[in-house]
Amino acid sequence: MQARMSNPTMILPDTMKPIQALLKATREGGVPQTTLELVHLRASQINGCSFCVDSGAR
């Protein structure tokens, strides 16, 4: 995958806290962790965020 952007939080540092809050809310919502990881991976692929794909695959 060709990166559309590098680590987005380095480009837009003010987005880190809201993203973390969103991730925390989804983890506490009762959706299985495996499902959340698959959704994150697919959204990262669609968005072209190779950093997110790489970090989600680890």
PDB file of N, CA and C in Angstrom:
ATOM      1  N   MET A   1       0.848  -1.178   0.000  1.00  0.00           N
ATOM      2  CA  MET A   1       0.000   0.000   0.000  1.00  0.00           C
ATOM      3  C   MET A   1       0.889   1.235   0.000  1.00  0.00           C
ATOM      4  N   GLN A   2       0.586   2.158  -0.865  1.00  0.00           N
ATOM      5  CA  GLN A   2       1.315   3.414  -0.883  1.00  0.00           C
ATOM      6  C   GLN A   2       0.681   4.357   0.127  1.00  0.00           C
ATOM      7  N   ALA A   3       1.510   4.936   0.960  1.00  0.00           N
ATOM      8  CA  ALA A   3       1.011   5.819   2.012  1.00  0.00           C
ATOM      9  C   ALA A   3       0.397   7.078   1.422  1.00  0.00           C
ATOM     10  N   ARG A   4      -0.821   7.358   1.828  1.00  0.00           N
ATOM     11  CA  ARG A   4      -1.461   8.615   1.461  1.00  0.00           C
ATOM     12  C   ARG A   4      -1.026   9.701   2.438  1.00  0.00           C
ATOM     13  N   MET A   5      -0.708   9.281   3.648  1.00  0.00           N
ATOM     14  CA  MET A   5      -0.229  10.196   4.674  1.00  0.00           C
ATOM     15  C   MET A   5       0.671   9.424   5.622  1.00  0.00           C
ATOM     16  N   SER A   6       1.581  10.138   6.259  1.00  0.00           N
ATOM     17  CA  SER A   6       2.372   9.492   7.296  1.00  0.00           C
ATOM     18  C   SER A   6       1.508   9.463   8.552  1.00  0.00           C
ATOM     19  N   ASN A   7       2.105   9.297   9.688  1.00  0.00           N
ATOM     20  CA  ASN A   7       1.346   9.274  10.935  1.00  0.00           C
ATOM     21  C   ASN A   7       0.498  10.543  11.032  1.00  0.00           C
ATOM     22  N   PRO A   8      -0.830  10.418  10.962  1.00  0.00           N
ATOM     23  CA  PRO A   8      -1.687  11.610  10.935  1.00  0.00           C
ATOM     24  C   PRO A   8      -1.579  12.463  12.189  1.00  0.00           C
ATOM     25  N   THR A   9      -1.231  11.866  13.322  1.00  0.00           N
ATOM     26  CA  THR A   9      -1.121  12.666  14.541  1.00  0.00           C
ATOM     27  C   THR A   9       0.119  13.553  14.535  1.00  0.00           C
ATOM     28  N   MET A  10       1.083  13.243  13.677  1.00  0.00           N
ATOM     29  CA  MET A  10       2.251  14.119  13.547  1.00  0.00           C
ATOM     30  C   MET A  10       1.893  15.341  12.697  1.00  0.00           C
ATOM     31  N   ILE A  11       0.994  15.153  11.739  1.00  0.00           N
ATOM     32  CA  ILE A  11       0.568  16.254  10.875  1.00  0.00           C
ATOM     33  C   ILE A  11      -0.452  17.130  11.606  1.00  0.00           C
ATOM     34  N   LEU A  12      -1.361  16.484  12.327  1.00  0.00           N
ATOM     35  CA  LEU A  12      -2.420  17.184  13.065  1.00  0.00           C
ATOM     36  C   LEU A  12      -2.359  16.763  14.531  1.00  0.00           C
ATOM     37  N   PRO A  13      -1.415  17.282  15.312  1.00  0.00           N
ATOM     38  CA  PRO A  13      -1.219  16.813  16.686  1.00  0.00           C
ATOM     39  C   PRO A  13      -2.438  17.003  17.593  1.00  0.00           C
ATOM     40  N   ASP A  14      -3.299  17.954  17.284  1.00  0.00           N
ATOM     41  CA  ASP A  14      -4.485  18.173  18.119  1.00  0.00           C
ATOM     42  C   ASP A  14      -5.523  17.067  17.969  1.00  0.00           C
ATOM     43  N   THR A  15      -5.318  16.155  17.035  1.00  0.00           N
ATOM     44  CA  THR A  15      -6.283  15.076  16.835  1.00  0.00           C
ATOM     45  C   THR A  15      -6.031  13.873  17.740  1.00  0.00           C
ATOM     46  N   MET A  16      -4.886  13.809  18.386  1.00  0.00           N
ATOM     47  CA  MET A  16      -4.535  12.624  19.164  1.00  0.00           C
ATOM     48  C   MET A  16      -5.510  12.368  20.319  1.00  0.00           C
ATOM     49  N   LYS A  17      -5.793  13.360  21.136  1.00  0.00           N
ATOM     50  CA  LYS A  17      -6.685  13.154  22.285  1.00  0.00           C
ATOM     51  C   LYS A  17      -8.100  12.777  21.856  1.00  0.00           C
ATOM     52  N   PRO A  18      -8.706  13.459  20.868  1.00  0.00           N
ATOM     53  CA  PRO A  18     -10.046  13.037  20.433  1.00  0.00           C
ATOM     54  C   PRO A  18     -10.063  11.617  19.857  1.00  0.00           C
ATOM     55  N   ILE A  19      -9.019  11.243  19.130  1.00  0.00           N
ATOM     56  CA  ILE A  19      -8.955   9.883  18.584  1.00  0.00           C
ATOM     57  C   ILE A  19      -8.864   8.871  19.718  1.00  0.00           C
ATOM     58  N   GLN A  20      -8.050   9.164  20.732  1.00  0.00           N
ATOM     59  CA  GLN A  20      -7.932   8.260  21.871  1.00  0.00           C
ATOM     60  C   GLN A  20      -9.265   8.137  22.609  1.00  0.00           C
ATOM     61  N   ALA A  21      -9.989   9.241  22.756  1.00  0.00           N
ATOM     62  CA  ALA A  21     -11.295   9.206  23.416  1.00  0.00           C
ATOM     63  C   ALA A  21     -12.288   8.368  22.615  1.00  0.00           C
ATOM     64  N   LEU A  22     -12.246   8.499  21.301  1.00  0.00           N
ATOM     65  CA  LEU A  22     -13.121   7.703  20.441  1.00  0.00           C
ATOM     66  C   LEU A  22     -12.804   6.216  20.565  1.00  0.00           C
ATOM     67  N   LEU A  23     -11.528   5.876  20.555  1.00  0.00           N
ATOM     68  CA  LEU A  23     -11.133   4.474  20.691  1.00  0.00           C
ATOM     69  C   LEU A  23     -11.543   3.908  22.047  1.00  0.00           C
ATOM     70  N   LYS A  24     -11.397   4.702  23.096  1.00  0.00           N
ATOM     71  CA  LYS A  24     -11.806   4.257  24.434  1.00  0.00           C
ATOM     72  C   LYS A  24     -13.314   3.987  24.471  1.00  0.00           C
ATOM     73  N   ALA A  25     -14.092   4.879  23.882  1.00  0.00           N
ATOM     74  CA  ALA A  25     -15.547   4.709  23.864  1.00  0.00           C
ATOM     75  C   ALA A  25     -15.947   3.449  23.102  1.00  0.00           C
ATOM     76  N   THR A  26     -15.271   3.163  21.993  1.00  0.00           N
ATOM     77  CA  THR A  26     -15.625   1.962  21.230  1.00  0.00           C
ATOM     78  C   THR A  26     -15.244   0.700  21.987  1.00  0.00           C
ATOM     79  N   ARG A  27     -14.127   0.726  22.712  1.00  0.00           N
ATOM     80  CA  ARG A  27     -13.730  -0.452  23.498  1.00  0.00           C
ATOM     81  C   ARG A  27     -14.724  -0.734  24.615  1.00  0.00           C
ATOM     82  N   GLU A  28     -15.338   0.307  25.148  1.00  0.00           N
ATOM     83  CA  GLU A  28     -16.270   0.153  26.262  1.00  0.00           C
ATOM     84  C   GLU A  28     -17.701  -0.097  25.795  1.00  0.00           C
ATOM     85  N   GLY A  29     -17.919  -0.186  24.490  1.00  0.00           N
ATOM     86  CA  GLY A  29     -19.264  -0.317  23.946  1.00  0.00           C
ATOM     87  C   GLY A  29     -19.797  -1.731  23.827  1.00  0.00           C
ATOM     88  N   GLY A  30     -19.006  -2.729  24.172  1.00  0.00           N
ATOM     89  CA  GLY A  30     -19.490  -4.096  24.138  1.00  0.00           C
ATOM     90  C   GLY A  30     -19.252  -4.842  22.835  1.00  0.00           C
ATOM     91  N   VAL A  31     -18.618  -4.206  21.860  1.00  0.00           N
ATOM     92  CA  VAL A  31     -18.303  -4.874  20.594  1.00  0.00           C
ATOM     93  C   VAL A  31     -17.042  -5.708  20.819  1.00  0.00           C
ATOM     94  N   PRO A  32     -17.023  -6.950  20.340  1.00  0.00           N
ATOM     95  CA  PRO A  32     -15.834  -7.788  20.533  1.00  0.00           C
ATOM     96  C   PRO A  32     -14.565  -7.124  19.979  1.00  0.00           C
ATOM     97  N   GLN A  33     -13.455  -7.296  20.691  1.00  0.00           N
ATOM     98  CA  GLN A  33     -12.185  -6.677  20.308  1.00  0.00           C
ATOM     99  C   GLN A  33     -11.762  -7.065  18.895  1.00  0.00           C
ATOM    100  N   THR A  34     -11.961  -8.315  18.523  1.00  0.00           N
ATOM    101  CA  THR A  34     -11.588  -8.767  17.179  1.00  0.00           C
ATOM    102  C   THR A  34     -12.351  -7.992  16.110  1.00  0.00           C
ATOM    103  N   THR A  35     -13.627  -7.768  16.340  1.00  0.00           N
ATOM    104  CA  THR A  35     -14.443  -7.006  15.390  1.00  0.00           C
ATOM    105  C   THR A  35     -13.940  -5.570  15.277  1.00  0.00           C
ATOM    106  N   LEU A  36     -13.623  -4.957  16.413  1.00  0.00           N
ATOM    107  CA  LEU A  36     -13.097  -3.590  16.397  1.00  0.00           C
ATOM    108  C   LEU A  36     -11.794  -3.506  15.611  1.00  0.00           C
ATOM    109  N   GLU A  37     -10.926  -4.492  15.787  1.00  0.00           N
ATOM    110  CA  GLU A  37      -9.651  -4.493  15.075  1.00  0.00           C
ATOM    111  C   GLU A  37      -9.855  -4.648  13.571  1.00  0.00           C
ATOM    112  N   LEU A  38     -10.798  -5.488  13.179  1.00  0.00           N
ATOM    113  CA  LEU A  38     -11.088  -5.659  11.754  1.00  0.00           C
ATOM    114  C   LEU A  38     -11.676  -4.386  11.142  1.00  0.00           C
ATOM    115  N   VAL A  39     -12.559  -3.728  11.872  1.00  0.00           N
ATOM    116  CA  VAL A  39     -13.145  -2.469  11.394  1.00  0.00           C
ATOM    117  C   VAL A  39     -12.054  -1.408  11.255  1.00  0.00           C
ATOM    118  N   HIS A  40     -11.182  -1.327  12.249  1.00  0.00           N
ATOM    119  CA  HIS A  40     -10.085  -0.355  12.197  1.00  0.00           C
ATOM    120  C   HIS A  40      -9.167  -0.627  11.011  1.00  0.00           C
ATOM    121  N   LEU A  41      -8.839  -1.888  10.798  1.00  0.00           N
ATOM    122  CA  LEU A  41      -7.975  -2.252   9.679  1.00  0.00           C
ATOM    123  C   LEU A  41      -8.613  -1.864   8.345  1.00  0.00           C
ATOM    124  N   ARG A  42      -9.883  -2.184   8.177  1.00  0.00           N
ATOM    125  CA  ARG A  42     -10.556  -1.877   6.904  1.00  0.00           C
ATOM    126  C   ARG A  42     -10.683  -0.372   6.694  1.00  0.00           C
ATOM    127  N   ALA A  43     -11.039   0.368   7.737  1.00  0.00           N
ATOM    128  CA  ALA A  43     -11.138   1.827   7.613  1.00  0.00           C
ATOM    129  C   ALA A  43      -9.780   2.425   7.256  1.00  0.00           C
ATOM    130  N   SER A  44      -8.723   1.875   7.828  1.00  0.00           N
ATOM    131  CA  SER A  44      -7.374   2.352   7.521  1.00  0.00           C
ATOM    132  C   SER A  44      -7.011   2.074   6.071  1.00  0.00           C
ATOM    133  N   GLN A  45      -7.416   0.921   5.565  1.00  0.00           N
ATOM    134  CA  GLN A  45      -7.168   0.595   4.161  1.00  0.00           C
ATOM    135  C   GLN A  45      -7.922   1.556   3.247  1.00  0.00           C
ATOM    136  N   ILE A  46      -9.182   1.799   3.559  1.00  0.00           N
ATOM    137  CA  ILE A  46     -10.006   2.698   2.747  1.00  0.00           C
ATOM    138  C   ILE A  46      -9.431   4.115   2.772  1.00  0.00           C
ATOM    139  N   ASN A  47      -8.978   4.557   3.943  1.00  0.00           N
ATOM    140  CA  ASN A  47      -8.424   5.903   4.088  1.00  0.00           C
ATOM    141  C   ASN A  47      -7.011   6.033   3.540  1.00  0.00           C
ATOM    142  N   GLY A  48      -6.383   4.912   3.227  1.00  0.00           N
ATOM    143  CA  GLY A  48      -5.023   4.957   2.698  1.00  0.00           C
ATOM    144  C   GLY A  48      -3.989   5.322   3.738  1.00  0.00           C
ATOM    145  N   CYS A  49      -4.248   4.974   4.988  1.00  0.00           N
ATOM    146  CA  CYS A  49      -3.315   5.297   6.070  1.00  0.00           C
ATOM    147  C   CYS A  49      -2.427   4.081   6.336  1.00  0.00           C
ATOM    148  N   SER A  50      -1.282   4.031   5.678  1.00  0.00           N
ATOM    149  CA  SER A  50      -0.406   2.872   5.832  1.00  0.00           C
ATOM    150  C   SER A  50       0.136   2.768   7.251  1.00  0.00           C
ATOM    151  N   PHE A  51       0.323   3.892   7.934  1.00  0.00           N
ATOM    152  CA  PHE A  51       0.751   3.862   9.335  1.00  0.00           C
ATOM    153  C   PHE A  51      -0.274   3.106  10.176  1.00  0.00           C
ATOM    154  N   CYS A  52      -1.566   3.417   9.969  1.00  0.00           N
ATOM    155  CA  CYS A  52      -2.639   2.771  10.734  1.00  0.00           C
ATOM    156  C   CYS A  52      -2.756   1.290  10.383  1.00  0.00           C
ATOM    157  N   VAL A  53      -2.618   0.958   9.106  1.00  0.00           N
ATOM    158  CA  VAL A  53      -2.674  -0.447   8.684  1.00  0.00           C
ATOM    159  C   VAL A  53      -1.544  -1.211   9.344  1.00  0.00           C
ATOM    160  N   ASP A  54      -0.346  -0.639   9.310  1.00  0.00           N
ATOM    161  CA  ASP A  54       0.814  -1.299   9.898  1.00  0.00           C
ATOM    162  C   ASP A  54       0.657  -1.459  11.403  1.00  0.00           C
ATOM    163  N   SER A  55       0.220  -0.414  12.092  1.00  0.00           N
ATOM    164  CA  SER A  55       0.082  -0.506  13.544  1.00  0.00           C
ATOM    165  C   SER A  55      -1.070  -1.424  13.929  1.00  0.00           C
ATOM    166  N   GLY A  56      -2.107  -1.487  13.103  1.00  0.00           N
ATOM    167  CA  GLY A  56      -3.234  -2.366  13.400  1.00  0.00           C
ATOM    168  C   GLY A  56      -2.936  -3.824  13.152  1.00  0.00           C
ATOM    169  N   ALA A  57      -1.968  -4.090  12.306  1.00  0.00           N
ATOM    170  CA  ALA A  57      -1.628  -5.473  11.981  1.00  0.00           C
ATOM    171  C   ALA A  57      -0.673  -6.084  12.999  1.00  0.00           C
ATOM    172  N   ARG A  58      -0.177  -5.297  13.911  1.00  0.00           N
ATOM    173  CA  ARG A  58       0.779  -5.803  14.918  1.00  0.00           C
ATOM    174  C   ARG A  58       0.111  -6.200  16.187  1.00  0.00           C
TER     175      ARG A  58
END
